[in-house]
Amino acid sequence: MTEITLKNDLKQKSRDRVTVKPADFASQISFLRSQLKKLINILATF
C-alpha cells in the first residue's frame, strides 16, 4: 500500500509542476512581448 501511495504522490507532484509551468511560460511570453513593443516604439520615434 505504501508503494502505491508514493507512486500516486509522485504523479500528483509532476501534474502540479506541469500545470504551473505553462502559466509561467505564458507570463514570460507576454512580458517579452511588452518589452519588444516598447523597443519597437522607441526605435520608431527615432
N, C-alpha and C. Protein backbone atom coordinates (compact mmCIF):
# COMPACT_ATOMS: atom_id res chain seq x y z
N MET A 1 0.83 -1.21 0.00
CA MET A 1 0.00 0.00 0.00
C MET A 1 0.86 1.26 0.00
N THR A 2 1.93 1.25 0.78
CA THR A 2 2.76 2.45 0.86
C THR A 2 3.39 2.77 -0.50
N GLU A 3 3.81 1.72 -1.22
CA GLU A 3 4.43 1.94 -2.54
C GLU A 3 3.44 2.60 -3.49
N ILE A 4 2.20 2.13 -3.46
CA ILE A 4 1.18 2.67 -4.37
C ILE A 4 0.92 4.15 -4.04
N THR A 5 0.82 4.47 -2.75
CA THR A 5 0.55 5.86 -2.38
C THR A 5 1.73 6.75 -2.78
N LEU A 6 2.96 6.24 -2.63
CA LEU A 6 4.13 7.02 -3.02
C LEU A 6 4.09 7.31 -4.51
N LYS A 7 3.75 6.29 -5.31
CA LYS A 7 3.68 6.49 -6.75
C LYS A 7 2.61 7.53 -7.09
N ASN A 8 1.47 7.45 -6.42
CA ASN A 8 0.40 8.42 -6.68
C ASN A 8 0.86 9.82 -6.31
N ASP A 9 1.56 9.96 -5.19
CA ASP A 9 2.06 11.27 -4.77
C ASP A 9 3.00 11.85 -5.82
N LEU A 10 3.89 11.01 -6.33
CA LEU A 10 4.83 11.47 -7.36
C LEU A 10 4.07 11.93 -8.60
N LYS A 11 3.04 11.18 -8.99
CA LYS A 11 2.26 11.57 -10.17
C LYS A 11 1.58 12.91 -9.92
N GLN A 12 1.02 13.08 -8.74
CA GLN A 12 0.33 14.34 -8.42
C GLN A 12 1.33 15.51 -8.45
N LYS A 13 2.52 15.30 -7.90
CA LYS A 13 3.52 16.37 -7.89
C LYS A 13 3.91 16.75 -9.31
N SER A 14 4.13 15.74 -10.17
CA SER A 14 4.51 16.02 -11.55
C SER A 14 3.37 16.75 -12.25
N ARG A 15 2.13 16.39 -11.96
CA ARG A 15 0.98 17.08 -12.55
C ARG A 15 0.97 18.54 -12.13
N ASP A 16 1.20 18.79 -10.85
CA ASP A 16 1.22 20.17 -10.36
C ASP A 16 2.30 20.97 -11.08
N ARG A 17 3.48 20.38 -11.23
CA ARG A 17 4.57 21.08 -11.92
C ARG A 17 4.18 21.39 -13.36
N VAL A 18 3.54 20.44 -14.02
CA VAL A 18 3.14 20.63 -15.41
C VAL A 18 2.10 21.74 -15.51
N THR A 19 1.17 21.80 -14.54
CA THR A 19 0.14 22.84 -14.59
C THR A 19 0.74 24.21 -14.28
N VAL A 20 1.78 24.24 -13.46
CA VAL A 20 2.39 25.53 -13.10
C VAL A 20 3.25 26.08 -14.24
N LYS A 21 3.99 25.22 -14.90
CA LYS A 21 4.94 25.68 -15.92
C LYS A 21 4.29 26.45 -17.08
N PRO A 22 3.20 25.95 -17.68
CA PRO A 22 2.61 26.72 -18.79
C PRO A 22 2.22 28.13 -18.39
N ALA A 23 1.75 28.32 -17.17
CA ALA A 23 1.38 29.67 -16.71
C ALA A 23 2.62 30.56 -16.67
N ASP A 24 3.71 30.04 -16.12
CA ASP A 24 4.96 30.82 -16.08
C ASP A 24 5.43 31.12 -17.49
N PHE A 25 5.32 30.13 -18.37
CA PHE A 25 5.75 30.30 -19.75
C PHE A 25 4.93 31.39 -20.43
N ALA A 26 3.61 31.36 -20.23
CA ALA A 26 2.73 32.37 -20.84
C ALA A 26 3.06 33.76 -20.30
N SER A 27 3.30 33.87 -19.01
CA SER A 27 3.61 35.18 -18.43
C SER A 27 4.94 35.69 -18.97
N GLN A 28 5.90 34.80 -19.16
CA GLN A 28 7.19 35.21 -19.72
C GLN A 28 7.02 35.69 -21.15
N ILE A 29 6.19 34.99 -21.93
CA ILE A 29 5.96 35.39 -23.32
C ILE A 29 5.29 36.76 -23.37
N SER A 30 4.28 36.98 -22.53
CA SER A 30 3.60 38.27 -22.52
C SER A 30 4.56 39.37 -22.09
N PHE A 31 5.44 39.07 -21.13
CA PHE A 31 6.43 40.05 -20.68
C PHE A 31 7.39 40.40 -21.82
N LEU A 32 7.88 39.37 -22.51
CA LEU A 32 8.79 39.60 -23.64
C LEU A 32 8.08 40.40 -24.73
N ARG A 33 6.81 40.11 -24.97
CA ARG A 33 6.04 40.85 -25.97
C ARG A 33 5.99 42.33 -25.62
N SER A 34 5.67 42.63 -24.37
CA SER A 34 5.58 44.03 -23.96
C SER A 34 6.93 44.72 -24.10
N GLN A 35 8.01 44.02 -23.74
CA GLN A 35 9.34 44.59 -23.88
C GLN A 35 9.66 44.87 -25.35
N LEU A 36 9.31 43.93 -26.23
CA LEU A 36 9.54 44.11 -27.66
C LEU A 36 8.76 45.31 -28.18
N LYS A 37 7.51 45.44 -27.74
CA LYS A 37 6.69 46.57 -28.19
C LYS A 37 7.33 47.89 -27.75
N LYS A 38 7.83 47.93 -26.52
CA LYS A 38 8.49 49.15 -26.02
C LYS A 38 9.70 49.48 -26.90
N LEU A 39 10.52 48.47 -27.18
CA LEU A 39 11.70 48.69 -28.02
C LEU A 39 11.31 49.18 -29.41
N ILE A 40 10.30 48.57 -30.00
CA ILE A 40 9.85 48.97 -31.34
C ILE A 40 9.35 50.41 -31.31
N ASN A 41 8.60 50.77 -30.28
CA ASN A 41 8.10 52.14 -30.17
C ASN A 41 9.25 53.13 -30.04
N ILE A 42 10.26 52.79 -29.25
CA ILE A 42 11.42 53.67 -29.06
C ILE A 42 12.16 53.82 -30.39
N LEU A 43 12.36 52.71 -31.09
CA LEU A 43 13.06 52.76 -32.38
C LEU A 43 12.24 53.53 -33.42
N ALA A 44 10.93 53.42 -33.36
CA ALA A 44 10.07 54.09 -34.34
C ALA A 44 10.13 55.60 -34.16
N THR A 45 10.37 56.07 -32.94
CA THR A 45 10.39 57.52 -32.70
C THR A 45 11.65 58.15 -33.30
N PHE A 46 12.73 57.37 -33.45
CA PHE A 46 13.98 57.95 -33.97
C PHE A 46 13.93 58.24 -35.43
